[in-house]
Amino acid sequence: MLFASGGFTVRLYDVEQQQIAGALESIRKEMMALEQVGALKGPLSVEGQLSLISGCPDLQAAAEGAMHIQECVPESLELKKKVFAQLDGIVGDGTVLSSSSSCLLPSHVFAGLAHVKQCIVAHPVNPPYYVPLVELVPHPETAPETVDRTHALMRRIGQCPVRILKEVDGFLGSRMYYSHTSKAWQATQDGILSPGDVDLVMSEGLGMRYAFIGPLETMHLNAEGMLSYCDRYGESMRRVLKTFGPVPEFSRATAEKVNQAMREKVPDDPEHLAARRRWRDGCLMRLAALKAQMPPQ
């Protein structure tokens, strides 16, 4: 949907034909709903964008003439390596091979490929239509031109790409996500807060700020600049950080406790989960619209 909103022709490929058919139908419904509320991205109409998207039952035909291939298979290293090995034997020198991996290192995913200079991880954030961040993570042998091309492409379709300058397990998005998830889990495990109140600390507290500014600027603004903040709060931060203890084991007992609380709020059957995701996406859509109206930073 994002690539089509930028006017690009898109071919969808999957080994399961029903996945392609289901995706095309979901895209049609989603675009029509977005158009009704004035949230469809790009200058083209629904019909114009849908005309750019098609399914393709053959990988070689799908890749033919492509300037950019975005792999979105499950987070399995062996599966991703298999897909890129196939693509490596199909594409020429003008195609960027991009993975949506959330934390697998490019040096592992693209190891041994002839077209490694054209390979990059471009990790979007779910749901990418409303959350624009994309982490660009190059293989050590990725050509700078590949990074520049991918950065420009993501900007053109309305995303917000950031350049990860060197490989690190989990990149940065997942590392930050795992960090606060770990502390949320530990607070529940240790009986500090209920699962519902743990989530409120983020949704009604930290998350309100983080929708507009990041943690480093938060520090900068919460004192008379960064140096002032470190002078004022550095000792307290070090003291609290030393109490964090080991990484939680995410035990079954705590998982069942959290699950019970989550199910009371959102039952885990497909219908309720889908409805809650629609609610989430609607909130993100309105937040994105609000951010678009904000004065330039």
Protein backbone atom coordinates (compact mmCIF):
# COMPACT_ATOMS: atom_id res chain seq x y z
CA MET A 1 0.00 0.00 0.00
CA LEU A 2 2.82 2.40 0.84
CA PHE A 3 4.73 1.74 -2.37
CA ALA A 4 1.54 2.08 -4.43
CA SER A 5 0.74 5.36 -2.67
CA GLY A 6 4.05 6.64 -4.03
CA GLY A 7 3.04 5.67 -7.56
CA PHE A 8 5.15 2.52 -7.84
CA THR A 9 4.05 -0.68 -9.54
CA VAL A 10 3.95 -3.49 -6.97
CA ARG A 11 3.96 -7.25 -7.48
CA LEU A 12 3.10 -9.48 -4.53
CA TYR A 13 4.58 -12.97 -4.41
CA ASP A 14 3.99 -15.77 -1.92
CA VAL A 15 4.40 -19.53 -2.06
CA GLU A 16 0.76 -19.82 -0.93
CA GLN A 17 -1.63 -18.52 -3.58
CA GLN A 18 -4.39 -17.91 -1.05
CA GLN A 19 -2.06 -15.51 0.78
CA ILE A 20 -1.83 -13.35 -2.35
CA ALA A 21 -5.59 -13.39 -2.93
CA GLY A 22 -6.25 -12.58 0.72
CA ALA A 23 -3.75 -9.74 0.69
CA LEU A 24 -5.25 -8.16 -2.43
CA GLU A 25 -8.73 -8.29 -0.93
CA SER A 26 -7.53 -6.87 2.39
CA ILE A 27 -5.72 -4.07 0.59
CA ARG A 28 -8.85 -3.19 -1.39
CA LYS A 29 -11.00 -3.01 1.75
CA GLU A 30 -8.40 -1.06 3.69
CA MET A 31 -7.90 1.50 0.94
CA MET A 32 -11.63 2.06 0.55
CA ALA A 33 -11.97 2.59 4.30
CA LEU A 34 -9.05 5.01 4.31
CA GLU A 35 -10.51 6.97 1.41
CA GLN A 36 -13.82 7.35 3.23
CA VAL A 37 -12.15 9.05 6.20
CA GLY A 38 -9.72 11.08 4.08
CA ALA A 39 -6.65 9.17 5.26
CA LEU A 40 -5.55 7.50 2.01
CA LYS A 41 -1.93 8.38 1.31
CA GLY A 42 -0.64 9.68 -2.00
CA PRO A 43 -2.21 11.68 -4.83
CA LEU A 44 -3.83 8.70 -6.59
CA SER A 45 -7.36 7.44 -5.99
CA VAL A 46 -8.15 4.00 -4.64
CA GLU A 47 -8.68 2.74 -8.17
CA GLY A 48 -5.40 4.27 -9.31
CA GLN A 49 -3.45 2.68 -6.49
CA LEU A 50 -5.14 -0.70 -6.80
CA SER A 51 -4.29 -0.76 -10.50
CA LEU A 52 -0.60 -0.66 -9.52
CA ILE A 53 -0.79 -3.75 -7.29
CA SER A 54 -1.00 -7.27 -8.61
CA GLY A 55 -0.29 -10.79 -7.44
CA CYS A 56 2.34 -12.93 -9.11
CA PRO A 57 2.56 -16.73 -8.71
CA ASP A 58 6.18 -16.98 -9.88
CA LEU A 59 9.15 -15.48 -8.01
CA GLN A 60 11.25 -14.87 -11.11
CA ALA A 61 8.36 -13.10 -12.86
CA ALA A 62 7.69 -11.03 -9.72
CA ALA A 63 11.32 -9.91 -9.52
CA GLU A 64 11.73 -9.15 -13.22
CA GLY A 65 12.62 -5.49 -13.74
CA ALA A 66 12.23 -4.64 -10.06
CA MET A 67 14.21 -1.71 -8.64
CA HIS A 68 13.50 -2.78 -5.04
CA ILE A 69 12.43 -6.09 -3.50
CA GLN A 70 11.06 -6.06 0.05
CA GLU A 71 11.11 -9.49 1.71
CA CYS A 72 8.44 -9.98 4.40
CA VAL A 73 8.61 -13.70 5.25
CA PRO A 74 8.50 -14.90 8.91
CA GLU A 75 11.45 -14.13 11.20
CA SER A 76 13.40 -17.31 10.45
CA LEU A 77 17.05 -16.99 9.48
CA GLU A 78 17.04 -20.17 7.42
CA LEU A 79 13.89 -19.15 5.54
CA LYS A 80 15.20 -15.67 4.82
CA LYS A 81 18.54 -17.05 3.62
CA LYS A 82 16.67 -19.44 1.33
CA VAL A 83 14.59 -16.62 -0.17
CA PHE A 84 17.60 -14.36 -0.75
CA ALA A 85 19.62 -17.20 -2.24
CA GLN A 86 16.81 -17.64 -4.78
CA LEU A 87 16.66 -13.90 -5.48
CA ASP A 88 20.44 -13.71 -5.78
CA GLY A 89 20.28 -16.01 -8.78
CA ILE A 90 17.49 -14.01 -10.42
CA VAL A 91 18.24 -10.30 -10.11
CA GLY A 92 20.80 -8.19 -11.90
CA ASP A 93 23.00 -5.41 -10.59
CA GLY A 94 20.28 -2.76 -10.44
CA THR A 95 17.93 -4.27 -7.85
CA VAL A 96 18.07 -3.55 -4.12
CA LEU A 97 17.41 -6.66 -2.04
CA SER A 98 15.81 -5.57 1.22
CA SER A 99 14.73 -7.56 4.27
CA SER A 100 12.03 -6.56 6.75
CA SER A 101 13.82 -8.47 9.53
CA SER A 102 13.30 -6.95 12.97
CA CYS A 103 16.56 -8.15 14.51
CA LEU A 104 18.41 -10.71 12.36
CA LEU A 105 21.86 -9.38 11.46
CA PRO A 106 22.45 -8.56 7.77
CA SER A 107 25.80 -10.37 7.92
CA HIS A 108 23.86 -13.55 8.69
CA VAL A 109 20.89 -13.01 6.36
CA PHE A 110 22.97 -12.04 3.30
CA ALA A 111 26.06 -14.20 3.90
CA GLY A 112 27.63 -15.54 0.72
CA LEU A 113 25.40 -13.70 -1.77
CA ALA A 114 26.91 -12.54 -5.05
CA HIS A 115 24.82 -9.33 -4.90
CA VAL A 116 25.66 -8.53 -1.27
CA LYS A 117 26.50 -4.92 -2.17
CA GLN A 118 22.83 -4.48 -3.08
CA CYS A 119 21.52 -5.99 0.18
CA ILE A 120 20.12 -4.12 3.16
CA VAL A 121 17.69 -4.57 6.03
CA ALA A 122 14.85 -2.03 5.90
CA HIS A 123 12.93 -2.83 9.07
CA PRO A 124 9.51 -1.14 9.27
CA VAL A 125 7.43 -0.74 12.44
CA ASN A 126 4.03 -2.43 12.66
CA PRO A 127 1.66 -1.13 11.32
CA PRO A 128 3.88 0.68 8.79
CA TYR A 129 1.05 2.56 7.10
CA TYR A 130 0.59 4.61 10.29
CA VAL A 131 4.02 4.30 11.97
CA PRO A 132 6.61 5.67 9.53
CA LEU A 133 9.92 4.62 11.11
CA VAL A 134 12.16 2.35 9.02
CA GLU A 135 15.53 1.14 10.32
CA LEU A 136 18.12 0.84 7.54
CA VAL A 137 20.82 -1.66 8.49
CA PRO A 138 23.56 -2.41 5.93
CA HIS A 139 25.65 -5.55 5.60
CA PRO A 140 29.34 -4.72 6.17
CA GLU A 141 29.78 -5.00 2.38
CA THR A 142 26.63 -3.09 1.40
CA ALA A 143 27.44 -0.30 -1.03
CA PRO A 144 26.79 3.25 0.27
CA GLU A 145 24.70 3.79 -2.87
CA THR A 146 22.34 1.01 -1.75
CA VAL A 147 21.77 2.75 1.57
CA ASP A 148 21.25 6.11 -0.13
CA ARG A 149 18.81 4.66 -2.67
CA THR A 150 16.78 2.90 0.01
CA HIS A 151 16.74 5.99 2.21
CA ALA A 152 15.47 8.12 -0.68
CA LEU A 153 12.83 5.52 -1.62
CA MET A 154 11.48 5.33 1.93
CA ARG A 155 11.32 9.11 2.15
CA ARG A 156 9.48 9.24 -1.18
CA ILE A 157 6.71 6.91 0.09
CA GLY A 158 6.29 8.94 3.28
CA GLN A 159 8.35 6.85 5.69
CA CYS A 160 10.96 8.11 8.15
CA PRO A 161 14.18 6.13 7.58
CA VAL A 162 17.06 6.12 10.07
CA ARG A 163 20.54 4.81 9.29
CA ILE A 164 21.93 2.21 11.69
CA LEU A 165 25.65 2.86 11.27
CA LYS A 166 26.87 -0.58 12.30
CA GLU A 167 25.39 -4.00 13.02
CA VAL A 168 24.05 -4.63 16.50
CA ASP A 169 21.78 -7.47 17.60
CA GLY A 170 18.16 -6.25 17.56
CA PHE A 171 19.13 -2.98 15.80
CA LEU A 172 17.86 -0.07 17.92
CA GLY A 173 14.06 -0.25 17.72
CA SER A 174 13.88 -3.80 19.07
CA ARG A 175 16.55 -3.11 21.68
CA MET A 176 14.60 -0.16 23.06
CA TYR A 177 11.31 -2.09 22.83
CA TYR A 178 12.79 -5.12 24.60
CA SER A 179 14.25 -2.85 27.27
CA HIS A 180 10.97 -1.29 28.37
CA THR A 181 9.10 -4.58 27.84
CA SER A 182 11.60 -6.27 30.16
CA LYS A 183 11.02 -3.69 32.91
CA ALA A 184 7.24 -3.90 32.43
CA TRP A 185 7.38 -7.68 32.74
CA GLN A 186 9.58 -7.50 35.81
CA ALA A 187 7.25 -5.01 37.52
CA THR A 188 4.37 -7.46 37.04
CA GLN A 189 6.47 -10.45 38.07
CA ASP A 190 7.64 -8.72 41.27
CA GLY A 191 4.15 -7.52 42.21
CA ILE A 192 5.02 -3.84 41.87
CA LEU A 193 2.06 -2.98 39.63
CA SER A 194 -0.82 -4.84 38.03
CA PRO A 195 -0.42 -5.59 34.29
CA GLY A 196 -3.05 -2.98 33.46
CA ASP A 197 -1.31 -0.26 35.47
CA VAL A 198 2.05 -1.19 33.98
CA ASP A 199 0.65 -0.43 30.52
CA LEU A 200 -0.83 2.85 31.78
CA VAL A 201 2.64 4.04 32.83
CA MET A 202 3.54 3.99 29.14
CA SER A 203 0.25 4.86 27.39
CA GLU A 204 -0.69 7.73 29.76
CA GLY A 205 2.83 8.75 30.73
CA LEU A 206 6.05 8.17 28.85
CA GLY A 207 4.32 7.36 25.57
CA MET A 208 2.58 10.74 25.50
CA ARG A 209 5.96 12.45 25.24
CA TYR A 210 7.58 9.82 23.05
CA ALA A 211 4.92 10.35 20.37
CA PHE A 212 6.65 13.65 19.63
CA ILE A 213 10.15 13.63 21.14
CA GLY A 214 12.62 10.88 21.99
CA PRO A 215 14.30 9.97 25.28
CA LEU A 216 17.42 12.08 24.69
CA GLU A 217 15.49 15.26 23.90
CA THR A 218 13.23 14.47 26.88
CA MET A 219 16.34 14.62 29.06
CA HIS A 220 17.45 17.84 27.39
CA LEU A 221 14.10 19.55 28.00
CA ASN A 222 13.58 18.24 31.54
CA ALA A 223 16.46 20.39 32.78
CA GLU A 224 18.41 23.37 31.50
CA GLY A 225 19.91 21.23 28.75
CA MET A 226 21.59 17.83 28.66
CA LEU A 227 24.59 18.71 30.82
CA SER A 228 22.29 20.15 33.46
CA TYR A 229 20.17 17.00 33.38
CA CYS A 230 23.17 14.71 33.81
CA ASP A 231 24.50 16.83 36.68
CA ARG A 232 21.08 16.84 38.36
CA TYR A 233 19.88 13.27 37.76
CA GLY A 234 22.92 11.24 36.73
CA GLU A 235 23.57 9.80 40.20
CA SER A 236 19.89 8.85 40.67
CA MET A 237 19.80 7.17 37.27
CA ARG A 238 22.90 5.11 38.04
CA ARG A 239 21.49 4.10 41.43
CA VAL A 240 18.16 2.93 39.98
CA LEU A 241 19.78 1.18 37.02
CA LYS A 242 21.90 -0.90 39.39
CA THR A 243 18.69 -2.35 40.89
CA PHE A 244 17.40 -3.71 37.59
CA GLY A 245 18.81 -7.17 38.17
CA PRO A 246 19.08 -9.95 35.57
CA VAL A 247 17.04 -10.21 32.38
CA PRO A 248 13.62 -11.77 33.18
CA GLU A 249 13.13 -15.39 32.14
CA PHE A 250 9.58 -14.62 30.90
CA SER A 251 8.38 -17.56 32.96
CA ARG A 252 5.14 -19.38 32.28
CA ALA A 253 3.73 -18.37 35.67
CA THR A 254 4.13 -14.66 34.95
CA ALA A 255 2.97 -15.15 31.36
CA GLU A 256 -0.29 -16.70 32.63
CA LYS A 257 -0.78 -13.83 35.07
CA VAL A 258 -0.26 -11.23 32.35
CA ASN A 259 -2.36 -13.23 29.89
CA GLN A 260 -5.30 -13.30 32.29
CA ALA A 261 -5.17 -9.52 32.68
CA MET A 262 -4.85 -8.98 28.94
CA ARG A 263 -7.76 -11.32 28.17
CA GLU A 264 -9.99 -9.41 30.59
CA LYS A 265 -9.32 -6.31 28.54
CA VAL A 266 -9.11 -7.91 25.08
CA PRO A 267 -10.23 -11.55 24.68
CA ASP A 268 -7.69 -13.44 22.58
CA ASP A 269 -10.07 -14.86 20.00
CA PRO A 270 -9.52 -13.70 16.38
CA GLU A 271 -12.61 -11.44 16.32
CA HIS A 272 -11.74 -9.45 19.43
CA LEU A 273 -8.05 -9.18 18.54
CA ALA A 274 -8.89 -7.94 15.03
CA ALA A 275 -11.31 -5.37 16.45
CA ARG A 276 -8.69 -4.10 18.90
CA ARG A 277 -6.10 -3.85 16.13
CA ARG A 278 -8.56 -1.77 14.09
CA TRP A 279 -9.05 0.48 17.10
CA ARG A 280 -5.26 0.78 17.51
CA ASP A 281 -4.79 1.59 13.84
CA GLY A 282 -7.53 4.21 14.00
CA CYS A 283 -5.79 5.87 16.95
CA LEU A 284 -2.47 5.81 15.12
CA MET A 285 -4.11 7.24 12.02
CA ARG A 286 -5.47 10.19 14.03
CA LEU A 287 -2.12 10.68 15.76
CA ALA A 288 -0.36 10.70 12.39
CA ALA A 289 -2.82 13.30 11.14
CA LEU A 290 -2.17 15.42 14.22
CA LYS A 291 1.59 15.17 13.82
CA ALA A 292 1.25 16.22 10.18
CA GLN A 293 -0.46 19.42 11.34
CA MET A 294 2.26 20.27 13.84
CA PRO A 295 4.67 23.11 12.96
CA PRO A 296 8.07 21.98 11.63
CA GLN A 297 10.55 20.93 14.28
